[in-house]
PDB file of N, CA and C in Angstrom:
ATOM      1  N   MET A   1       0.569  -1.079  -0.128  1.00  0.00           N
ATOM      2  CA  MET A   1      -0.152  -0.101   0.036  1.00  0.00           C
ATOM      3  C   MET A   1       0.818   1.089   0.286  1.00  0.00           C
ATOM      4  N   LYS A   2       1.442   1.351   0.682  1.00  0.00           N
ATOM      5  CA  LYS A   2       3.071   2.218   0.780  1.00  0.00           C
ATOM      6  C   LYS A   2       3.101   2.916  -0.368  1.00  0.00           C
ATOM      7  N   LYS A   3       3.870   1.633  -1.692  1.00  0.00           N
ATOM      8  CA  LYS A   3       4.570   1.512  -2.463  1.00  0.00           C
ATOM      9  C   LYS A   3       3.135   2.508  -3.511  1.00  0.00           C
ATOM     10  N   ASP A   4       2.511   2.191  -3.402  1.00  0.00           N
ATOM     11  CA  ASP A   4       0.911   2.894  -4.199  1.00  0.00           C
ATOM     12  C   ASP A   4       0.804   3.884  -4.269  1.00  0.00           C
ATOM     13  N   ILE A   5       0.635   4.912  -2.574  1.00  0.00           N
ATOM     14  CA  ILE A   5       0.677   5.659  -2.058  1.00  0.00           C
ATOM     15  C   ILE A   5       2.000   6.677  -2.611  1.00  0.00           C
ATOM     16  N   VAL A   6       2.619   6.204  -2.594  1.00  0.00           N
ATOM     17  CA  VAL A   6       4.693   7.258  -3.054  1.00  0.00           C
ATOM     18  C   VAL A   6       4.340   7.468  -4.504  1.00  0.00           C
ATOM     19  N   LEU A   7       3.948   6.303  -4.937  1.00  0.00           N
ATOM     20  CA  LEU A   7       3.609   6.342  -6.506  1.00  0.00           C
ATOM     21  C   LEU A   7       2.555   7.463  -6.711  1.00  0.00           C
ATOM     22  N   MET A   8       1.087   7.420  -6.327  1.00  0.00           N
ATOM     23  CA  MET A   8       0.229   8.709  -6.410  1.00  0.00           C
ATOM     24  C   MET A   8       1.034  10.212  -6.382  1.00  0.00           C
ATOM     25  N   ILE A   9       1.580  10.082  -4.537  1.00  0.00           N
ATOM     26  CA  ILE A   9       2.054  11.987  -4.803  1.00  0.00           C
ATOM     27  C   ILE A   9       3.073  11.886  -5.563  1.00  0.00           C
ATOM     28  N   ALA A  10       4.126  10.917  -5.826  1.00  0.00           N
ATOM     29  CA  ALA A  10       4.987  11.654  -7.320  1.00  0.00           C
ATOM     30  C   ALA A  10       4.791  11.934  -8.111  1.00  0.00           C
ATOM     31  N   LYS A  11       3.793  11.423  -9.195  1.00  0.00           N
ATOM     32  CA  LYS A  11       3.055  11.645 -10.301  1.00  0.00           C
ATOM     33  C   LYS A  11       2.205  12.707  -9.868  1.00  0.00           C
ATOM     34  N   GLU A  12       1.765  13.368  -8.819  1.00  0.00           N
ATOM     35  CA  GLU A  12       1.301  14.637  -8.474  1.00  0.00           C
ATOM     36  C   GLU A  12       2.527  15.527  -8.512  1.00  0.00           C
ATOM     37  N   VAL A  13       3.521  15.581  -7.488  1.00  0.00           N
ATOM     38  CA  VAL A  13       4.402  16.636  -7.644  1.00  0.00           C
ATOM     39  C   VAL A  13       5.845  16.725  -8.050  1.00  0.00           C
ATOM     40  N   LYS A  14       5.622  15.734  -8.749  1.00  0.00           N
ATOM     41  CA  LYS A  14       7.374  15.508 -10.103  1.00  0.00           C
ATOM     42  C   LYS A  14       8.277  15.274  -9.262  1.00  0.00           C
ATOM     43  N   ILE A  15       8.219  14.340  -7.694  1.00  0.00           N
ATOM     44  CA  ILE A  15       9.838  14.492  -7.533  1.00  0.00           C
ATOM     45  C   ILE A  15       9.683  12.854  -7.507  1.00  0.00           C
ATOM     46  N   LYS A  16      10.992  12.948  -7.142  1.00  0.00           N
ATOM     47  CA  LYS A  16      11.430  11.218  -7.550  1.00  0.00           C
ATOM     48  C   LYS A  16      10.692  10.471  -6.693  1.00  0.00           C
ATOM     49  N   ILE A  17      10.223   9.420  -6.781  1.00  0.00           N
ATOM     50  CA  ILE A  17       9.739   7.893  -6.436  1.00  0.00           C
ATOM     51  C   ILE A  17      10.540   7.709  -4.969  1.00  0.00           C
ATOM     52  N   GLY A  18      11.760   7.760  -5.007  1.00  0.00           N
ATOM     53  CA  GLY A  18      12.476   7.417  -3.555  1.00  0.00           C
ATOM     54  C   GLY A  18      12.334   8.795  -2.723  1.00  0.00           C
ATOM     55  N   ASP A  19      12.562   9.786  -3.027  1.00  0.00           N
ATOM     56  CA  ASP A  19      11.750  10.821  -2.079  1.00  0.00           C
ATOM     57  C   ASP A  19      10.856  11.190  -1.809  1.00  0.00           C
ATOM     58  N   VAL A  20      10.040  10.507  -2.396  1.00  0.00           N
ATOM     59  CA  VAL A  20       8.852  10.645  -1.780  1.00  0.00           C
ATOM     60  C   VAL A  20       8.724   9.355  -0.511  1.00  0.00           C
ATOM     61  N   GLY A  21       9.246   7.846  -0.880  1.00  0.00           N
ATOM     62  CA  GLY A  21       9.141   7.391  -0.036  1.00  0.00           C
ATOM     63  C   GLY A  21      10.390   7.195   1.131  1.00  0.00           C
ATOM     64  N   ASN A  22      11.037   8.314   1.108  1.00  0.00           N
ATOM     65  CA  ASN A  22      11.326   8.526   2.331  1.00  0.00           C
ATOM     66  C   ASN A  22      10.748   9.394   3.245  1.00  0.00           C
ATOM     67  N   LEU A  23       9.685   9.920   2.945  1.00  0.00           N
ATOM     68  CA  LEU A  23       9.243  11.293   3.846  1.00  0.00           C
ATOM     69  C   LEU A  23       8.069  10.607   4.065  1.00  0.00           C
ATOM     70  N   ILE A  24       7.217   9.760   3.582  1.00  0.00           N
ATOM     71  CA  ILE A  24       6.321   9.139   4.115  1.00  0.00           C
ATOM     72  C   ILE A  24       5.840   8.549   5.443  1.00  0.00           C
ATOM     73  N   GLU A  25       5.606   8.952   6.465  1.00  0.00           N
ATOM     74  CA  GLU A  25       5.285   8.470   7.520  1.00  0.00           C
ATOM     75  C   GLU A  25       4.095   7.795   8.410  1.00  0.00           C
ATOM     76  N   VAL A  26       4.293   7.725   9.274  1.00  0.00           N
ATOM     77  CA  VAL A  26       3.194   7.053  10.206  1.00  0.00           C
ATOM     78  C   VAL A  26       2.058   8.024  11.408  1.00  0.00           C
ATOM     79  N   PRO A  27       1.208   8.567  10.748  1.00  0.00           N
ATOM     80  CA  PRO A  27       1.034   9.623  11.906  1.00  0.00           C
ATOM     81  C   PRO A  27       1.038   9.389  13.613  1.00  0.00           C
ATOM     82  N   PRO A  28       1.182  10.082  14.588  1.00  0.00           N
ATOM     83  CA  PRO A  28       1.463   9.547  16.280  1.00  0.00           C
ATOM     84  C   PRO A  28      -0.186   9.421  16.282  1.00  0.00           C
ATOM     85  N   LYS A  29      -0.793   9.767  15.876  1.00  0.00           N
ATOM     86  CA  LYS A  29      -2.724   9.402  16.272  1.00  0.00           C
ATOM     87  C   LYS A  29      -3.281   9.072  15.164  1.00  0.00           C
ATOM     88  N   GLU A  30      -4.132   7.865  15.284  1.00  0.00           N
ATOM     89  CA  GLU A  30      -4.787   6.949  14.873  1.00  0.00           C
ATOM     90  C   GLU A  30      -5.377   7.773  13.935  1.00  0.00           C
ATOM     91  N   GLU A  31      -6.099   9.076  14.871  1.00  0.00           N
ATOM     92  CA  GLU A  31      -7.343   9.406  13.673  1.00  0.00           C
ATOM     93  C   GLU A  31      -6.824  10.630  12.470  1.00  0.00           C
ATOM     94  N   LEU A  32      -5.212  10.676  12.683  1.00  0.00           N
ATOM     95  CA  LEU A  32      -4.655  11.596  11.714  1.00  0.00           C
ATOM     96  C   LEU A  32      -4.603  10.818  10.254  1.00  0.00           C
ATOM     97  N   GLY A  33      -4.548   9.152  10.382  1.00  0.00           N
ATOM     98  CA  GLY A  33      -4.183   8.618   9.633  1.00  0.00           C
ATOM     99  C   GLY A  33      -3.654   7.698   9.213  1.00  0.00           C
ATOM    100  N   ASP A  34      -3.782   6.772   8.565  1.00  0.00           N
ATOM    101  CA  ASP A  34      -3.004   5.302   8.775  1.00  0.00           C
ATOM    102  C   ASP A  34      -1.149   5.975   7.627  1.00  0.00           C
ATOM    103  N   TYR A  35      -0.858   7.302   6.764  1.00  0.00           N
ATOM    104  CA  TYR A  35       0.350   7.380   6.562  1.00  0.00           C
ATOM    105  C   TYR A  35      -0.059   9.167   6.112  1.00  0.00           C
ATOM    106  N   ALA A  36       1.304   9.447   6.306  1.00  0.00           N
ATOM    107  CA  ALA A  36       0.838  10.816   6.666  1.00  0.00           C
ATOM    108  C   ALA A  36       2.358  11.365   5.259  1.00  0.00           C
ATOM    109  N   PHE A  37       1.742  11.890   4.531  1.00  0.00           N
ATOM    110  CA  PHE A  37       2.783  12.797   3.922  1.00  0.00           C
ATOM    111  C   PHE A  37       3.190  14.146   4.016  1.00  0.00           C
ATOM    112  N   PRO A  38       4.095  14.970   4.595  1.00  0.00           N
ATOM    113  CA  PRO A  38       4.671  16.292   5.060  1.00  0.00           C
ATOM    114  C   PRO A  38       4.941  16.729   4.060  1.00  0.00           C
ATOM    115  N   CYS A  39       4.530  18.577   3.772  1.00  0.00           N
ATOM    116  CA  CYS A  39       4.628  19.196   2.386  1.00  0.00           C
ATOM    117  C   CYS A  39       5.329  20.172   2.742  1.00  0.00           C
ATOM    118  N   PHE A  40       6.093  20.225   3.973  1.00  0.00           N
ATOM    119  CA  PHE A  40       7.203  21.188   3.995  1.00  0.00           C
ATOM    120  C   PHE A  40       8.714  21.253   3.296  1.00  0.00           C
ATOM    121  N   GLY A  41       8.823  20.413   2.719  1.00  0.00           N
ATOM    122  CA  GLY A  41      10.268  20.578   1.988  1.00  0.00           C
ATOM    123  C   GLY A  41       9.343  20.575   0.267  1.00  0.00           C
ATOM    124  N   LEU A  42       8.259  20.940   0.206  1.00  0.00           N
ATOM    125  CA  LEU A  42       8.079  21.255  -1.444  1.00  0.00           C
ATOM    126  C   LEU A  42       7.765  23.104  -1.061  1.00  0.00           C
ATOM    127  N   ALA A  43       7.700  23.892  -0.220  1.00  0.00           N
ATOM    128  CA  ALA A  43       7.380  24.857   0.244  1.00  0.00           C
ATOM    129  C   ALA A  43       8.349  25.533  -0.764  1.00  0.00           C
ATOM    130  N   LYS A  44       9.653  25.355  -1.036  1.00  0.00           N
ATOM    131  CA  LYS A  44      10.691  26.480  -1.064  1.00  0.00           C
ATOM    132  C   LYS A  44      10.194  26.005  -2.226  1.00  0.00           C
ATOM    133  N   ASN A  45      10.297  24.803  -3.451  1.00  0.00           N
ATOM    134  CA  ASN A  45      10.242  24.822  -4.876  1.00  0.00           C
ATOM    135  C   ASN A  45       9.348  25.376  -5.138  1.00  0.00           C
ATOM    136  N   LEU A  46       7.897  25.343  -4.624  1.00  0.00           N
ATOM    137  CA  LEU A  46       6.951  25.685  -5.453  1.00  0.00           C
ATOM    138  C   LEU A  46       6.279  26.740  -4.342  1.00  0.00           C
ATOM    139  N   LYS A  47       7.024  27.357  -3.951  1.00  0.00           N
ATOM    140  CA  LYS A  47       7.191  29.311  -3.036  1.00  0.00           C
ATOM    141  C   LYS A  47       5.718  29.329  -2.682  1.00  0.00           C
ATOM    142  N   LYS A  48       5.042  28.101  -2.267  1.00  0.00           N
ATOM    143  CA  LYS A  48       3.388  28.257  -1.298  1.00  0.00           C
ATOM    144  C   LYS A  48       4.133  27.446  -0.001  1.00  0.00           C
ATOM    145  N   ASN A  49       2.943  27.856   0.496  1.00  0.00           N
ATOM    146  CA  ASN A  49       2.632  27.883   1.982  1.00  0.00           C
ATOM    147  C   ASN A  49       2.734  25.952   2.304  1.00  0.00           C
ATOM    148  N   PRO A  50       3.536  25.528   2.969  1.00  0.00           N
ATOM    149  CA  PRO A  50       3.245  23.985   2.772  1.00  0.00           C
ATOM    150  C   PRO A  50       1.574  23.808   3.603  1.00  0.00           C
ATOM    151  N   VAL A  51       0.758  24.431   4.193  1.00  0.00           N
ATOM    152  CA  VAL A  51      -0.552  24.306   4.802  1.00  0.00           C
ATOM    153  C   VAL A  51      -1.529  24.238   2.915  1.00  0.00           C
ATOM    154  N   VAL A  52      -1.233  25.151   2.175  1.00  0.00           N
ATOM    155  CA  VAL A  52      -1.831  25.359   0.776  1.00  0.00           C
ATOM    156  C   VAL A  52      -1.512  23.813  -0.091  1.00  0.00           C
ATOM    157  N   ILE A  53       0.003  23.840   0.202  1.00  0.00           N
ATOM    158  CA  ILE A  53       0.652  22.646  -0.952  1.00  0.00           C
ATOM    159  C   ILE A  53      -0.471  21.375  -0.582  1.00  0.00           C
ATOM    160  N   ALA A  54      -0.472  21.202   1.046  1.00  0.00           N
ATOM    161  CA  ALA A  54      -1.079  19.868   1.635  1.00  0.00           C
ATOM    162  C   ALA A  54      -2.320  20.133   0.974  1.00  0.00           C
ATOM    163  N   GLU A  55      -3.168  21.079   0.732  1.00  0.00           N
ATOM    164  CA  GLU A  55      -4.703  21.167   0.822  1.00  0.00           C
ATOM    165  C   GLU A  55      -5.106  20.893  -1.002  1.00  0.00           C
ATOM    166  N   ASP A  56      -4.249  21.178  -1.696  1.00  0.00           N
ATOM    167  CA  ASP A  56      -4.062  21.171  -2.760  1.00  0.00           C
ATOM    168  C   ASP A  56      -4.112  20.250  -3.256  1.00  0.00           C
ATOM    169  N   LEU A  57      -2.997  19.344  -2.457  1.00  0.00           N
ATOM    170  CA  LEU A  57      -2.547  17.836  -3.282  1.00  0.00           C
ATOM    171  C   LEU A  57      -3.490  16.672  -2.516  1.00  0.00           C
ATOM    172  N   ALA A  58      -3.909  17.035  -1.398  1.00  0.00           N
ATOM    173  CA  ALA A  58      -4.978  16.750  -1.016  1.00  0.00           C
ATOM    174  C   ALA A  58      -6.235  16.042  -2.156  1.00  0.00           C
ATOM    175  N   LYS A  59      -6.817  17.838  -2.464  1.00  0.00           N
ATOM    176  CA  LYS A  59      -7.887  17.580  -3.051  1.00  0.00           C
ATOM    177  C   LYS A  59      -7.704  16.850  -4.403  1.00  0.00           C
ATOM    178  N   LYS A  60      -6.473  17.264  -5.086  1.00  0.00           N
ATOM    179  CA  LYS A  60      -6.152  16.238  -6.279  1.00  0.00           C
ATOM    180  C   LYS A  60      -6.287  14.499  -6.243  1.00  0.00           C
ATOM    181  N   LEU A  61      -5.646  14.026  -5.152  1.00  0.00           N
ATOM    182  CA  LEU A  61      -5.436  12.767  -4.692  1.00  0.00           C
ATOM    183  C   LEU A  61      -6.757  12.138  -4.929  1.00  0.00           C
ATOM    184  N   ARG A  62      -8.015  13.037  -4.175  1.00  0.00           N
ATOM    185  CA  ARG A  62      -9.069  12.469  -3.170  1.00  0.00           C
ATOM    186  C   ARG A  62     -10.019  12.209  -4.864  1.00  0.00           C
ATOM    187  N   LYS A  63      -9.149  12.449  -5.819  1.00  0.00           N
ATOM    188  CA  LYS A  63     -10.504  12.352  -6.919  1.00  0.00           C
ATOM    189  C   LYS A  63     -10.016  11.019  -7.576  1.00  0.00           C
ATOM    190  N   LYS A  64      -9.004  10.466  -7.205  1.00  0.00           N
ATOM    191  CA  LYS A  64      -8.442   8.894  -8.037  1.00  0.00           C
ATOM    192  C   LYS A  64      -8.027   8.110  -6.861  1.00  0.00           C
ATOM    193  N   LEU A  65      -8.640   7.859  -5.779  1.00  0.00           N
ATOM    194  CA  LEU A  65      -8.256   7.650  -4.748  1.00  0.00           C
ATOM    195  C   LEU A  65      -8.711   5.771  -4.827  1.00  0.00           C
ATOM    196  N   PRO A  66      -7.695   5.315  -5.068  1.00  0.00           N
ATOM    197  CA  PRO A  66      -7.864   3.668  -5.082  1.00  0.00           C
ATOM    198  C   PRO A  66      -9.006   2.867  -4.331  1.00  0.00           C
ATOM    199  N   ARG A  67      -9.869   1.881  -4.548  1.00  0.00           N
ATOM    200  CA  ARG A  67     -10.610   0.869  -3.214  1.00  0.00           C
ATOM    201  C   ARG A  67     -10.241   0.823  -1.483  1.00  0.00           C
ATOM    202  N   TRP A  68      -9.017   0.751  -1.660  1.00  0.00           N
ATOM    203  CA  TRP A  68      -8.593   0.414  -0.381  1.00  0.00           C
ATOM    204  C   TRP A  68      -8.616   1.807   0.422  1.00  0.00           C
ATOM    205  N   VAL A  69      -8.359   3.103  -0.481  1.00  0.00           N
ATOM    206  CA  VAL A  69      -8.059   4.565   0.251  1.00  0.00           C
ATOM    207  C   VAL A  69      -9.589   5.023   0.512  1.00  0.00           C
ATOM    208  N   SER A  70      -9.988   5.401   1.960  1.00  0.00           N
ATOM    209  CA  SER A  70     -11.415   5.210   1.680  1.00  0.00           C
ATOM    210  C   SER A  70     -10.906   7.135   2.239  1.00  0.00           C
ATOM    211  N   ASN A  71     -10.200   7.777   2.279  1.00  0.00           N
ATOM    212  CA  ASN A  71     -10.100   9.216   2.509  1.00  0.00           C
ATOM    213  C   ASN A  71      -8.445   9.620   2.143  1.00  0.00           C
ATOM    214  N   VAL A  72      -8.062  11.301   1.545  1.00  0.00           N
ATOM    215  CA  VAL A  72      -7.411  11.424   1.913  1.00  0.00           C
ATOM    216  C   VAL A  72      -7.515  13.239   2.132  1.00  0.00           C
ATOM    217  N   ASP A  73      -7.132  13.484   3.511  1.00  0.00           N
ATOM    218  CA  ASP A  73      -6.947  15.074   3.771  1.00  0.00           C
ATOM    219  C   ASP A  73      -5.660  15.307   3.868  1.00  0.00           C
ATOM    220  N   SER A  74      -6.140  16.650   4.631  1.00  0.00           N
ATOM    221  CA  SER A  74      -5.015  17.396   4.579  1.00  0.00           C
ATOM    222  C   SER A  74      -4.803  18.253   6.081  1.00  0.00           C
ATOM    223  N   SER A  75      -3.566  18.378   6.700  1.00  0.00           N
ATOM    224  CA  SER A  75      -3.715  19.100   8.395  1.00  0.00           C
ATOM    225  C   SER A  75      -2.599  19.205   8.896  1.00  0.00           C
ATOM    226  N   GLY A  76      -2.354  20.913   8.594  1.00  0.00           N
ATOM    227  CA  GLY A  76      -1.202  21.473   9.062  1.00  0.00           C
ATOM    228  C   GLY A  76      -0.217  21.235   8.077  1.00  0.00           C
ATOM    229  N   GLY A  77       0.078  20.874   7.161  1.00  0.00           N
ATOM    230  CA  GLY A  77       0.711  20.906   6.287  1.00  0.00           C
ATOM    231  C   GLY A  77       1.458  19.174   5.472  1.00  0.00           C
ATOM    232  N   TYR A  78       0.492  18.762   6.512  1.00  0.00           N
ATOM    233  CA  TYR A  78       0.534  17.268   6.017  1.00  0.00           C
ATOM    234  C   TYR A  78      -0.700  16.357   4.946  1.00  0.00           C
ATOM    235  N   VAL A  79      -0.354  15.513   4.112  1.00  0.00           N
ATOM    236  CA  VAL A  79      -1.320  15.232   3.126  1.00  0.00           C
ATOM    237  C   VAL A  79      -1.598  13.148   4.118  1.00  0.00           C
ATOM    238  N   ASN A  80      -2.973  13.093   4.445  1.00  0.00           N
ATOM    239  CA  ASN A  80      -2.890  12.162   5.804  1.00  0.00           C
ATOM    240  C   ASN A  80      -4.121  11.415   4.463  1.00  0.00           C
ATOM    241  N   PHE A  81      -3.624   9.975   4.858  1.00  0.00           N
ATOM    242  CA  PHE A  81      -4.451   8.625   3.758  1.00  0.00           C
ATOM    243  C   PHE A  81      -4.590   7.748   4.733  1.00  0.00           C
ATOM    244  N   PHE A  82      -5.900   7.790   4.249  1.00  0.00           N
ATOM    245  CA  PHE A  82      -7.368   6.776   5.254  1.00  0.00           C
ATOM    246  C   PHE A  82      -7.549   5.746   4.827  1.00  0.00           C
ATOM    247  N   PHE A  83      -7.073   4.218   5.265  1.00  0.00           N
ATOM    248  CA  PHE A  83      -7.686   3.232   5.028  1.00  0.00           C
ATOM    249  C   PHE A  83      -8.515   3.019   4.973  1.00  0.00           C
ATOM    250  N   VAL A  84      -9.392   1.842   3.823  1.00  0.00           N
ATOM    251  CA  VAL A  84     -10.429   1.237   4.139  1.00  0.00           C
ATOM    252  C   VAL A  84     -10.416  -0.012   5.407  1.00  0.00           C
ATOM    253  N   LYS A  85     -11.404  -0.222   6.332  1.00  0.00           N
ATOM    254  CA  LYS A  85     -11.549  -1.015   7.047  1.00  0.00           C
ATOM    255  C   LYS A  85     -12.579  -2.038   7.261  1.00  0.00           C
TER     256      LYS A  85
END
């Protein structure tokens, strides 16, 4: 599942798959999702606030969710992925 999430993100933000994979985290609280992608490193290149980047990325990814992802949301500069349980 992580590999699929990495591919989805890499396609949207146009950065290397390995770089995306190194950034994927497991959130500290279950209610924040199953995986999270921090957008802080993208802020300098995109010249945008990480919160705005996360909101935009979550909106794009929400349109293409695989069946095993129930939701993609943004919170404080992170894109959070929720799996179907």
